[in-house]
Protein backbone atom coordinates (compact mmCIF):
# COMPACT_ATOMS: atom_id res chain seq x y z
CA UNK A 1 -3.94 -23.70 -21.53
CA UNK A 2 -5.81 -23.81 -18.23
CA UNK A 3 -3.89 -24.91 -14.58
CA UNK A 4 -7.11 -24.78 -12.56
CA UNK A 5 -5.64 -25.28 -8.67
CA UNK A 6 -2.75 -25.64 -9.63
CA UNK A 7 -2.93 -21.57 -10.50
CA UNK A 8 -2.75 -21.51 -7.02
CA UNK A 9 0.35 -22.62 -5.90
CA UNK A 10 3.19 -20.31 -6.71
CA UNK A 11 1.45 -17.17 -4.63
CA UNK A 12 0.79 -19.59 -1.72
CA UNK A 13 4.27 -21.25 -1.88
CA UNK A 14 6.00 -17.72 -2.02
CA UNK A 15 3.51 -16.36 0.34
CA UNK A 16 4.14 -19.01 3.38
CA UNK A 17 8.19 -19.53 2.45
CA UNK A 18 8.53 -15.84 2.83
CA UNK A 19 6.82 -15.79 6.31
CA UNK A 20 8.62 -18.94 7.17
CA UNK A 21 12.15 -18.07 6.11
CA UNK A 22 11.73 -13.96 6.04
CA UNK A 23 13.73 -14.01 3.29
CA UNK A 24 11.21 -12.19 0.88
CA UNK A 25 13.75 -12.28 -2.32
CA UNK A 26 14.04 -15.73 -2.06
CA UNK A 27 10.71 -16.49 -1.42
CA UNK A 28 9.31 -14.42 -4.36
CA UNK A 29 11.68 -16.15 -6.82
CA UNK A 30 10.59 -19.44 -5.66
CA UNK A 31 6.89 -18.31 -6.85
CA UNK A 32 8.19 -17.12 -9.83
CA UNK A 33 9.96 -19.90 -10.95
CA UNK A 34 7.25 -22.31 -9.14
CA UNK A 35 5.10 -20.13 -11.83
CA UNK A 36 6.90 -20.84 -14.88
CA UNK A 37 7.81 -24.38 -14.39
CA UNK A 38 4.21 -25.05 -14.37
CA UNK A 39 3.53 -22.72 -17.72
CA UNK A 40 6.35 -24.54 -19.27
CA UNK A 41 5.52 -27.71 -18.66
CA UNK A 42 8.53 -28.14 -15.75
CA UNK A 43 11.60 -27.73 -18.45
CA UNK A 44 13.67 -26.89 -16.06
CA UNK A 45 15.84 -24.40 -18.06
CA UNK A 46 13.56 -22.88 -19.92
CA UNK A 47 11.45 -22.10 -16.95
CA UNK A 48 14.67 -20.45 -15.55
CA UNK A 49 15.48 -18.72 -18.10
CA UNK A 50 11.26 -17.76 -18.59
CA UNK A 51 11.80 -16.15 -14.68
CA UNK A 52 14.74 -14.07 -15.09
CA UNK A 53 12.93 -12.58 -18.47
CA UNK A 54 9.94 -12.02 -16.51
CA UNK A 55 11.85 -9.90 -13.53
CA UNK A 56 13.50 -7.84 -16.33
CA UNK A 57 10.26 -7.68 -18.18
CA UNK A 58 8.50 -5.76 -15.84
CA UNK A 59 9.66 -2.48 -17.06
CA UNK A 60 8.11 -3.27 -20.21
CA UNK A 61 5.09 -1.54 -18.55
CA UNK A 62 5.65 2.26 -18.19
CA UNK A 63 3.50 2.59 -14.58
CA UNK A 64 5.89 -0.27 -13.10
CA UNK A 65 8.66 1.63 -14.03
CA UNK A 66 7.83 5.01 -12.90
CA UNK A 67 6.55 3.28 -9.62
CA UNK A 68 10.06 1.87 -9.14
CA UNK A 69 11.58 5.49 -9.68
CA UNK A 70 9.14 6.94 -7.43
CA UNK A 71 10.38 4.38 -4.88
CA UNK A 72 14.02 5.00 -5.94
CA UNK A 73 13.21 9.14 -5.56
CA UNK A 74 11.73 8.86 -2.40
CA UNK A 75 14.95 8.15 -1.14
CA UNK A 76 16.49 11.28 -1.83
CA UNK A 77 14.03 13.47 -0.47
CA UNK A 78 14.26 11.30 2.87
CA UNK A 79 17.87 11.49 3.08
CA UNK A 80 17.57 15.60 2.26
CA UNK A 81 15.02 16.32 4.73
CA UNK A 82 16.84 14.94 7.30
CA UNK A 83 20.88 16.23 6.31
CA UNK A 84 18.72 20.07 5.82
CA UNK A 85 17.85 19.94 9.59
CA UNK A 86 14.42 19.86 8.62
CA UNK A 87 13.39 16.29 10.72
CA UNK A 88 14.88 17.70 13.94
CA UNK A 89 13.47 21.03 13.55
CA UNK A 90 9.70 19.51 12.91
CA UNK A 91 10.47 17.18 15.96
CA UNK A 92 11.55 20.05 18.12
CA UNK A 93 8.81 21.99 17.15
CA UNK A 94 5.75 19.41 17.82
CA UNK A 95 8.07 18.42 21.33
CA UNK A 96 9.41 21.50 22.79
CA UNK A 97 8.10 24.35 21.21
CA UNK A 98 4.51 23.75 21.20
CA UNK A 99 4.21 20.45 23.21
CA UNK A 100 1.85 19.50 20.48
CA UNK A 101 2.72 15.80 20.54
CA UNK A 102 4.17 15.07 24.25
CA UNK A 103 3.08 11.18 24.02
CA UNK A 104 3.43 8.26 22.34
CA UNK A 105 -0.24 8.37 21.98
CA UNK A 106 -0.06 11.99 20.02
CA UNK A 107 2.98 10.42 18.05
CA UNK A 108 0.68 7.74 16.32
CA UNK A 109 -2.36 9.90 15.58
CA UNK A 110 -0.19 12.16 13.87
CA UNK A 111 0.41 9.50 11.19
CA UNK A 112 -3.05 8.18 11.80
CA UNK A 113 -4.47 11.72 10.88
CA UNK A 114 -1.94 12.25 8.06
CA UNK A 115 -3.18 9.09 6.85
CA UNK A 116 -6.57 10.29 6.27
CA UNK A 117 -6.12 13.79 5.15
CA UNK A 118 -3.82 13.08 2.51
CA UNK A 119 -6.27 10.88 0.33
CA UNK A 120 -5.10 11.82 -3.20
CA UNK A 121 -2.99 8.36 -3.76
CA UNK A 122 -2.06 5.63 -1.71
CA UNK A 123 1.95 5.71 -2.27
CA UNK A 124 2.04 9.88 -1.52
CA UNK A 125 -0.47 8.78 1.84
CA UNK A 126 1.95 6.18 3.00
CA UNK A 127 5.20 8.05 2.24
CA UNK A 128 4.00 11.19 4.01
CA UNK A 129 2.41 9.36 6.80
CA UNK A 130 5.74 7.48 7.59
CA UNK A 131 8.05 9.57 6.89
CA UNK A 132 6.78 12.70 8.96
CA UNK A 133 5.92 10.33 11.99
CA UNK A 134 8.55 7.92 12.23
CA UNK A 135 10.82 10.51 13.72
CA UNK A 136 8.21 10.86 16.30
CA UNK A 137 6.95 7.55 16.81
CA UNK A 138 10.51 6.68 17.48
CA UNK A 139 11.42 9.45 19.82
CA UNK A 140 8.67 8.29 21.66
CA UNK A 141 9.38 4.72 21.36
CA UNK A 142 7.00 3.00 19.13
CA UNK A 143 7.00 0.48 17.52
CA UNK A 144 8.33 0.55 13.62
CA UNK A 145 5.45 -2.49 13.42
CA UNK A 146 2.73 0.11 14.67
CA UNK A 147 3.80 2.69 12.61
CA UNK A 148 3.85 0.48 9.56
CA UNK A 149 0.10 -0.79 10.48
CA UNK A 150 -0.88 2.61 11.30
CA UNK A 151 0.37 3.97 7.72
CA UNK A 152 -1.15 1.02 5.78
CA UNK A 153 -4.44 0.95 7.47
CA UNK A 154 -4.99 4.20 6.38
CA UNK A 155 -3.61 4.14 3.05
CA UNK A 156 -5.77 1.92 0.27
CA UNK A 157 -9.04 1.93 2.59
CA UNK A 158 -8.88 5.67 2.96
CA UNK A 159 -8.69 6.38 -0.83
CA UNK A 160 -11.75 3.94 -1.41
CA UNK A 161 -13.47 5.63 1.45
CA UNK A 162 -13.07 9.09 -0.31
CA UNK A 163 -12.56 7.90 -3.93
CA UNK A 164 -11.31 11.24 -5.24
CA UNK A 165 -8.04 9.93 -6.93
CA UNK A 166 -6.91 7.41 -9.37
CA UNK A 167 -9.19 4.24 -7.05
CA UNK A 168 -11.70 6.44 -7.58
CA UNK A 169 -11.29 6.73 -11.18
CA UNK A 170 -10.54 2.97 -11.71
CA UNK A 171 -13.82 1.49 -9.97
CA UNK A 172 -15.90 4.01 -11.95
CA UNK A 173 -14.65 2.90 -15.08
CA UNK A 174 -14.95 -0.58 -13.99
CA UNK A 175 -18.75 0.28 -13.27
CA UNK A 176 -19.22 2.61 -15.83
CA UNK A 177 -18.20 -0.80 -18.78
CA UNK A 178 -21.11 -2.83 -16.90
CA UNK A 179 -23.40 0.31 -17.21
CA UNK A 180 -22.60 0.68 -21.41
CA UNK A 181 -23.20 -2.99 -21.73
CA UNK A 182 -26.50 -2.61 -20.19
CA UNK A 183 -25.72 -4.95 -17.22
CA UNK A 184 -26.85 -2.09 -14.80
CA UNK A 185 -28.56 1.46 -15.34
CA UNK A 186 -27.61 4.56 -13.82
CA UNK A 187 -24.40 7.21 -13.57
CA UNK A 188 -21.28 5.09 -12.49
CA UNK A 189 -19.97 8.01 -9.94
CA UNK A 190 -23.59 8.03 -8.08
CA UNK A 191 -23.47 3.97 -7.97
CA UNK A 192 -19.73 4.11 -6.80
CA UNK A 193 -20.86 6.92 -4.09
CA UNK A 194 -24.08 4.54 -2.88
CA UNK A 195 -21.73 1.67 -2.31
CA UNK A 196 -19.31 3.38 0.01
CA UNK A 197 -21.40 2.57 3.29
CA UNK A 198 -20.99 -0.55 2.16
CA UNK A 199 -16.96 -0.59 2.08
CA UNK A 200 -17.03 -2.64 5.84
CA UNK A 201 -13.68 -3.62 5.94
CA UNK A 202 -12.13 -0.27 5.00
CA UNK A 203 -14.70 1.61 7.09
CA UNK A 204 -13.54 -0.93 10.04
CA UNK A 205 -9.79 -0.84 9.13
CA UNK A 206 -9.77 2.77 10.03
CA UNK A 207 -12.12 2.69 12.78
CA UNK A 208 -10.03 -0.01 14.36
CA UNK A 209 -6.44 1.77 13.76
CA UNK A 210 -8.50 4.67 15.81
CA UNK A 211 -9.19 2.04 18.65
CA UNK A 212 -5.86 0.71 19.25
CA UNK A 213 -4.03 4.29 19.42
CA UNK A 214 -6.45 5.56 21.79
CA UNK A 215 -6.88 2.83 23.95
CA UNK A 216 -3.46 0.69 23.70
CA UNK A 217 -5.64 -2.28 23.65
CA UNK A 218 -3.00 -4.36 21.57
CA UNK A 219 -3.30 -7.92 21.29
CA UNK A 220 -1.29 -10.77 19.08
CA UNK A 221 2.18 -10.22 17.54
CA UNK A 222 1.74 -6.80 17.92
CA UNK A 223 1.14 -6.97 21.81
CA UNK A 224 4.57 -8.33 21.91
CA UNK A 225 6.17 -5.66 19.71
CA UNK A 226 5.00 -2.92 21.85
CA UNK A 227 5.84 -4.48 24.75
CA UNK A 228 9.44 -5.12 23.65
CA UNK A 229 9.64 -1.29 23.00
CA UNK A 230 8.18 -0.60 26.14
CA UNK A 231 10.75 -2.86 27.88
CA UNK A 232 13.59 -2.66 25.78
CA UNK A 233 13.39 0.70 23.82
CA UNK A 234 14.03 -1.72 20.67
CA UNK A 235 11.77 -0.03 17.77
CA UNK A 236 12.46 -3.51 15.94
CA UNK A 237 13.20 -6.99 17.22
CA UNK A 238 16.90 -7.83 17.43
CA UNK A 239 17.58 -9.20 13.95
CA UNK A 240 15.03 -7.42 11.96
CA UNK A 241 16.05 -6.45 8.70
CA UNK A 242 14.46 -3.14 7.91
CA UNK A 243 13.45 -2.62 4.01
CA UNK A 244 14.94 0.87 4.25
CA UNK A 245 18.57 0.85 4.58
CA UNK A 246 19.33 3.06 7.93
CA UNK A 247 21.69 4.89 5.42
CA UNK A 248 18.05 6.81 4.74
CA UNK A 249 16.88 6.50 7.94
CA UNK A 250 19.40 7.34 10.47
CA UNK A 251 21.11 10.65 8.21
CA UNK A 252 22.91 13.09 10.41
CA UNK A 253 21.80 16.75 9.89
CA UNK A 254 25.13 18.61 7.84
CA UNK A 255 27.59 20.19 9.82
CA UNK A 256 26.56 23.98 10.54
CA UNK A 257 22.96 23.59 9.77
CA UNK A 258 20.15 24.87 11.87
CA UNK A 259 16.95 22.90 12.36
CA UNK A 260 14.02 24.04 10.49
CA UNK A 261 10.71 22.24 10.33
CA UNK A 262 10.23 24.31 7.12
CA UNK A 263 12.79 22.25 5.30
CA UNK A 264 11.03 19.19 5.65
CA UNK A 265 7.18 20.68 5.10
CA UNK A 266 8.41 22.41 2.30
CA UNK A 267 9.65 19.59 0.21
CA UNK A 268 6.71 17.50 1.51
CA UNK A 269 3.77 19.98 0.61
CA UNK A 270 5.42 20.09 -2.82
CA UNK A 271 4.93 16.46 -3.36
CA UNK A 272 1.60 16.31 -1.71
CA UNK A 273 0.42 19.41 -4.01
CA UNK A 274 1.84 18.22 -7.29
CA UNK A 275 -0.04 14.91 -7.23
CA UNK A 276 -3.59 16.40 -8.11
CA UNK A 277 -1.97 18.89 -10.43
CA UNK A 278 -0.47 15.72 -12.24
CA UNK A 279 -3.66 13.99 -12.40
CA UNK A 280 -5.55 16.99 -13.86
CA UNK A 281 -3.12 17.61 -16.24
CA UNK A 282 -2.27 13.92 -17.60
CA UNK A 283 -6.50 13.30 -17.35
CA UNK A 284 -6.55 16.17 -19.91
CA UNK A 285 -8.44 18.71 -17.03
CA UNK A 286 -10.45 15.73 -15.20
CA UNK A 287 -8.65 14.09 -12.08
CA UNK A 288 -10.83 10.79 -12.60
CA UNK A 289 -8.95 10.30 -15.89
CA UNK A 290 -5.63 11.08 -14.83
CA UNK A 291 -2.42 8.48 -14.54
CA UNK A 292 -1.76 7.70 -10.89
CA UNK A 293 1.68 6.37 -11.60
CA UNK A 294 2.40 9.77 -14.05
CA UNK A 295 1.28 11.87 -11.14
CA UNK A 296 3.52 10.20 -8.44
CA UNK A 297 6.76 10.64 -10.47
CA UNK A 298 6.00 14.20 -11.85
CA UNK A 299 5.36 14.88 -7.73
CA UNK A 300 8.54 13.61 -6.52
CA UNK A 301 10.70 14.84 -9.14
CA UNK A 302 9.22 18.54 -8.77
CA UNK A 303 9.71 18.10 -5.17
CA UNK A 304 13.41 17.28 -5.35
CA UNK A 305 13.98 19.88 -8.29
CA UNK A 306 11.97 22.71 -5.33
CA UNK A 307 14.42 21.28 -2.94
CA UNK A 308 17.47 21.98 -4.40
CA UNK A 309 16.64 25.15 -5.41
CA UNK A 310 15.16 25.56 -1.77
CA UNK A 311 18.66 24.49 0.07
CA UNK A 312 20.50 26.53 -2.40
CA UNK A 313 18.61 29.80 -1.57
CA UNK A 314 19.17 29.00 2.20
CA UNK A 315 22.83 27.90 1.72
CA UNK A 316 22.03 24.40 3.60
CA UNK A 317 24.26 22.79 0.85
CA UNK A 318 25.92 23.10 -2.35
CA UNK A 319 24.39 21.07 -5.51
CA UNK A 320 27.13 18.74 -5.27
CA UNK A 321 26.47 18.02 -1.36
CA UNK A 322 22.32 17.85 -2.76
CA UNK A 323 23.04 15.16 -5.51
CA UNK A 324 25.41 13.29 -3.00
CA UNK A 325 22.49 12.95 -0.54
CA UNK A 326 20.26 12.08 -3.66
CA UNK A 327 22.36 9.16 -4.62
CA UNK A 328 22.68 7.67 -0.86
CA UNK A 329 18.93 7.90 -0.41
CA UNK A 330 18.66 5.88 -3.79
CA UNK A 331 21.14 3.50 -2.70
CA UNK A 332 19.38 3.21 0.47
CA UNK A 333 16.11 2.05 -1.38
CA UNK A 334 17.89 -1.00 -3.27
CA UNK A 335 15.97 -3.37 -1.34
CA UNK A 336 12.80 -2.22 -1.16
CA UNK A 337 12.66 -1.83 -4.83
CA UNK A 338 14.15 -5.23 -5.58
CA UNK A 339 11.06 -6.60 -3.69
CA UNK A 340 8.58 -4.17 -5.63
CA UNK A 341 10.31 -5.84 -8.80
CA UNK A 342 9.59 -9.29 -7.86
CA UNK A 343 6.06 -8.58 -6.56
CA UNK A 344 5.96 -7.24 -9.90
CA UNK A 345 6.96 -10.18 -11.89
CA UNK A 346 5.46 -12.44 -9.35
CA UNK A 347 1.71 -11.06 -10.21
CA UNK A 348 2.18 -11.09 -13.91
CA UNK A 349 3.07 -14.84 -13.24
CA UNK A 350 0.15 -15.03 -11.94
CA UNK A 351 -1.54 -13.43 -14.49
CA UNK A 352 -0.58 -15.78 -17.02
CA UNK A 353 -1.62 -18.52 -14.87
CA UNK A 354 -5.11 -17.15 -14.50
CA UNK A 355 -5.47 -17.42 -10.84
CA UNK A 356 -7.59 -14.65 -10.51
CA UNK A 357 -10.08 -15.80 -12.90
CA UNK A 358 -9.82 -19.78 -11.34
CA UNK A 359 -10.94 -18.23 -8.22
CA UNK A 360 -13.85 -16.58 -9.46
CA UNK A 361 -15.30 -19.50 -11.35
CA UNK A 362 -15.33 -21.21 -8.40
CA UNK A 363 -18.40 -18.75 -7.04
CA UNK A 364 -19.73 -17.44 -10.29
CA UNK A 365 -23.31 -18.92 -10.71
CA UNK A 366 -23.26 -20.81 -7.26
CA UNK A 367 -24.48 -18.87 -5.10
CA UNK A 368 -27.40 -17.57 -3.67
CA UNK A 369 -28.37 -13.71 -3.47
CA UNK A 370 -28.60 -13.64 0.55
CA UNK A 371 -24.98 -14.96 0.88
CA UNK A 372 -23.63 -13.01 -2.40
CA UNK A 373 -21.93 -9.76 -0.98
CA UNK A 374 -20.25 -12.32 1.61
CA UNK A 375 -19.34 -14.83 -0.84
CA UNK A 376 -17.89 -12.23 -3.09
CA UNK A 377 -15.93 -10.31 -0.34
CA UNK A 378 -14.35 -13.76 0.72
CA UNK A 379 -13.36 -14.58 -2.76
CA UNK A 380 -12.19 -10.75 -3.14
CA UNK A 381 -10.09 -11.62 0.12
CA UNK A 382 -8.62 -14.58 -1.06
CA UNK A 383 -7.50 -13.15 -4.61
CA UNK A 384 -6.30 -10.20 -3.53
CA UNK A 385 -3.84 -12.22 -1.02
CA UNK A 386 -2.57 -14.51 -3.71
CA UNK A 387 -2.01 -11.97 -6.48
CA UNK A 388 -1.16 -9.12 -4.05
CA UNK A 389 -2.84 -6.95 -6.26
CA UNK A 390 -6.30 -5.11 -5.10
CA UNK A 391 -6.26 -3.28 -8.52
CA UNK A 392 -6.10 -6.82 -10.41
CA UNK A 393 -8.53 -8.08 -8.09
CA UNK A 394 -11.27 -5.24 -8.55
CA UNK A 395 -10.87 -5.70 -12.54
CA UNK A 396 -11.54 -9.33 -12.24
CA UNK A 397 -14.24 -9.42 -9.49
CA UNK A 398 -16.43 -6.10 -10.29
CA UNK A 399 -17.82 -7.51 -13.82
CA UNK A 400 -18.63 -10.67 -11.63
CA UNK A 401 -19.95 -9.63 -8.61
CA UNK A 402 -22.21 -6.65 -10.76
CA UNK A 403 -23.75 -9.61 -12.77
CA UNK A 404 -24.19 -11.89 -10.08
CA UNK A 405 -26.28 -9.13 -7.90
CA UNK A 406 -28.56 -8.51 -10.63
CA UNK A 407 -29.07 -12.33 -12.26
CA UNK A 408 -29.92 -12.94 -7.90
CA UNK A 409 -31.17 -10.03 -7.06
CA UNK A 410 -28.96 -8.91 -4.58
CA UNK A 411 -28.13 -5.78 -3.22
CA UNK A 412 -25.99 -3.98 -5.92
CA UNK A 413 -24.09 -1.59 -3.71
CA UNK A 414 -23.49 -3.79 -1.31
CA UNK A 415 -21.81 -6.54 -3.94
CA UNK A 416 -19.83 -3.63 -5.22
CA UNK A 417 -18.49 -2.77 -1.64
CA UNK A 418 -17.67 -5.94 -1.14
CA UNK A 419 -15.34 -6.22 -4.09
CA UNK A 420 -13.83 -2.92 -2.77
CA UNK A 421 -12.95 -4.09 0.91
CA UNK A 422 -12.50 -7.72 -0.39
CA UNK A 423 -9.55 -6.23 -2.61
CA UNK A 424 -8.10 -4.15 0.43
CA UNK A 425 -8.55 -6.93 2.89
CA UNK A 426 -6.30 -9.35 0.87
CA UNK A 427 -3.94 -6.79 -0.12
CA UNK A 428 -3.49 -5.45 3.72
CA UNK A 429 -2.15 -9.52 4.53
CA UNK A 430 -0.33 -10.18 1.73
CA UNK A 431 3.57 -9.94 1.77
CA UNK A 432 3.98 -9.86 -1.78
CA UNK A 433 1.74 -6.29 -2.06
CA UNK A 434 2.70 -2.99 -3.54
CA UNK A 435 1.24 -1.16 -0.51
CA UNK A 436 1.93 -3.51 2.19
CA UNK A 437 5.77 -3.35 0.71
CA UNK A 438 6.01 0.89 0.91
CA UNK A 439 4.07 1.06 4.01
CA UNK A 440 7.23 -1.57 5.36
CA UNK A 441 9.33 1.21 3.61
CA UNK A 442 7.52 4.63 5.03
CA UNK A 443 7.90 3.08 8.65
CA UNK A 444 11.37 1.48 7.88
CA UNK A 445 9.84 -1.91 9.19
CA UNK A 446 11.14 -5.57 8.51
CA UNK A 447 8.67 -6.30 5.90
CA UNK A 448 7.96 -9.60 7.35
CA UNK A 449 7.41 -8.42 10.87
CA UNK A 450 5.05 -6.18 9.53
CA UNK A 451 3.10 -8.58 7.84
CA UNK A 452 3.16 -10.93 10.78
CA UNK A 453 1.59 -8.43 13.27
CA UNK A 454 -0.83 -6.49 10.84
CA UNK A 455 -2.59 -10.17 9.47
CA UNK A 456 -4.34 -10.48 12.69
CA UNK A 457 -5.91 -7.43 12.83
CA UNK A 458 -7.03 -7.53 9.13
CA UNK A 459 -8.62 -11.16 9.85
CA UNK A 460 -10.40 -9.82 12.94
CA UNK A 461 -11.68 -6.79 10.38
CA UNK A 462 -12.62 -8.80 7.77
CA UNK A 463 -14.72 -11.11 10.30
CA UNK A 464 -16.53 -8.68 11.44
CA UNK A 465 -16.95 -7.18 7.92
CA UNK A 466 -18.39 -10.33 6.79
CA UNK A 467 -20.64 -10.98 9.57
CA UNK A 468 -22.12 -7.03 8.41
CA UNK A 469 -21.66 -8.50 5.04
CA UNK A 470 -24.54 -11.44 5.62
CA UNK A 471 -26.95 -8.94 8.15
CA UNK A 472 -27.01 -6.99 5.13
CA UNK A 473 -27.88 -9.96 2.33
CA UNK A 474 -30.56 -11.17 4.58
CA UNK A 475 -32.27 -8.11 5.73
CA UNK A 476 -31.94 -6.63 2.08
């Protein structure tokens, strides 16, 4: 059954309701229920039962279950590195012993640099930059909204610009299908590499973060957030609801423990280092074939095991204390994990409605070559915003974009770059996007506040990217 224009209604209602009411759980459930009402011919009880089954059913997918487990266990790492004195030691090292970080700008640049150099997986990028930088940005009075923006804008964009990760593997695979089908010729990896200069949104997004940190010239809701913290000292607005409980983000150092930066750095280094190893193993020797969800799950488990041994050897805490802090961290992650589960559920409903396919059909075969990349970018933005998934947008739009480019004799590399950029941009603006949710988690920000402060920046970046696609389209 085709739902046409109606297929757009559930995600739009969920997004608008979340922004208006700030009740993310309720808004996502309303979106799920609305979708099931459409699917089940408005039979209320059938739709309600289907909605509940959809939420529970997300665990049928192994990668979703691993992502949920990863998010829970990350809470344990966050509490442990605080209780061990690792966070305090790291802050003391950078601000007192070496004075490497001695300003708001320095604290923000730390998050920015970490987001760029850790490009192996977006979840790890977000977690590391947020967890490491947050104590420093809090100390130097940077709003949580600004930190979330930095984390979000240096995760997925960087992972696609430096595609030595699961993102690159996915994109290469999608291009390879079109090569094997005879639509285009060439090496899929080389084609992706040649499209990187045309990923205008990702490039502009990364440069924009550098600009705002360097100049401090924030505007719109972000400016209000930064002015608030400078005037009142409040890193979050009054009444804000961070998606991570303060039980995880404000853990006191365990009594009698000496502060030591390595109590934080070593667990995080193991976490980061295990990611490429996991990709290599799950990919049977080829990281481009590796499983991102399995690798991040292995990474966090390995980090926890390593941390338990490290802290026991250093006599920081007993195994019982270790587990108590892990459970405390897991409990603090319940809000963000619930949002993730609901966002995955509404994503499945949107897939069943054929929202992405309908939006793609609006453009396929109906535009000229000159404006092809610009139209592809625009549709990608709207699709990713509505569905909350950049990878889903890749899967739907990549074959369409490549076939359109061939049929219209348009710039192939610009068309591929437009797909990637559109997916990332829509992902940045959508409150139901997993990377946006994880950025709110890592920065301990109110999720809707993060969306509202980041969206204007993302929209401006998208306008710049759109102009560049038009220029490339017309000059070839």
